[in-house]
């Protein structure tokens, strides 16, 4: 095999047109209208020790608010009753409430989002 027989790899293919617009941010810094597409490492179980990206079940538009410990939805109840989940240093936030169920994040967990302002830009080609 000669050097002329070797084909150099082409540019990396992106899985979707939004990837260049995605930004990692702390959950506490997710803004209204940001599109939440994934979390890093510790979301929904701070005892997870992996360093991988966890896609959310379905990307959603954020509507962030402080976590209300008196909420009785199943996710809030699970967070309150999880003895293995350490109390976060910076508190908790709810990034959305869909069908009456909160999406609870520790404020210092990292979310992969597409900022709302970038969602208004034309598609990258």
Foldseek 3Di string as FASTA:
>chain_A
DDPVPDDDDDDDDDPDLCVVQKDKDFQLPADFQWWFFWWAAQWPHNVGHDGDIGTDPDIDGWDKDADDCVQDAPSSVCVVPDPRHDQAPQHKMFGDQDPNHTRITRRRTITITRHNVNVPDDGDD
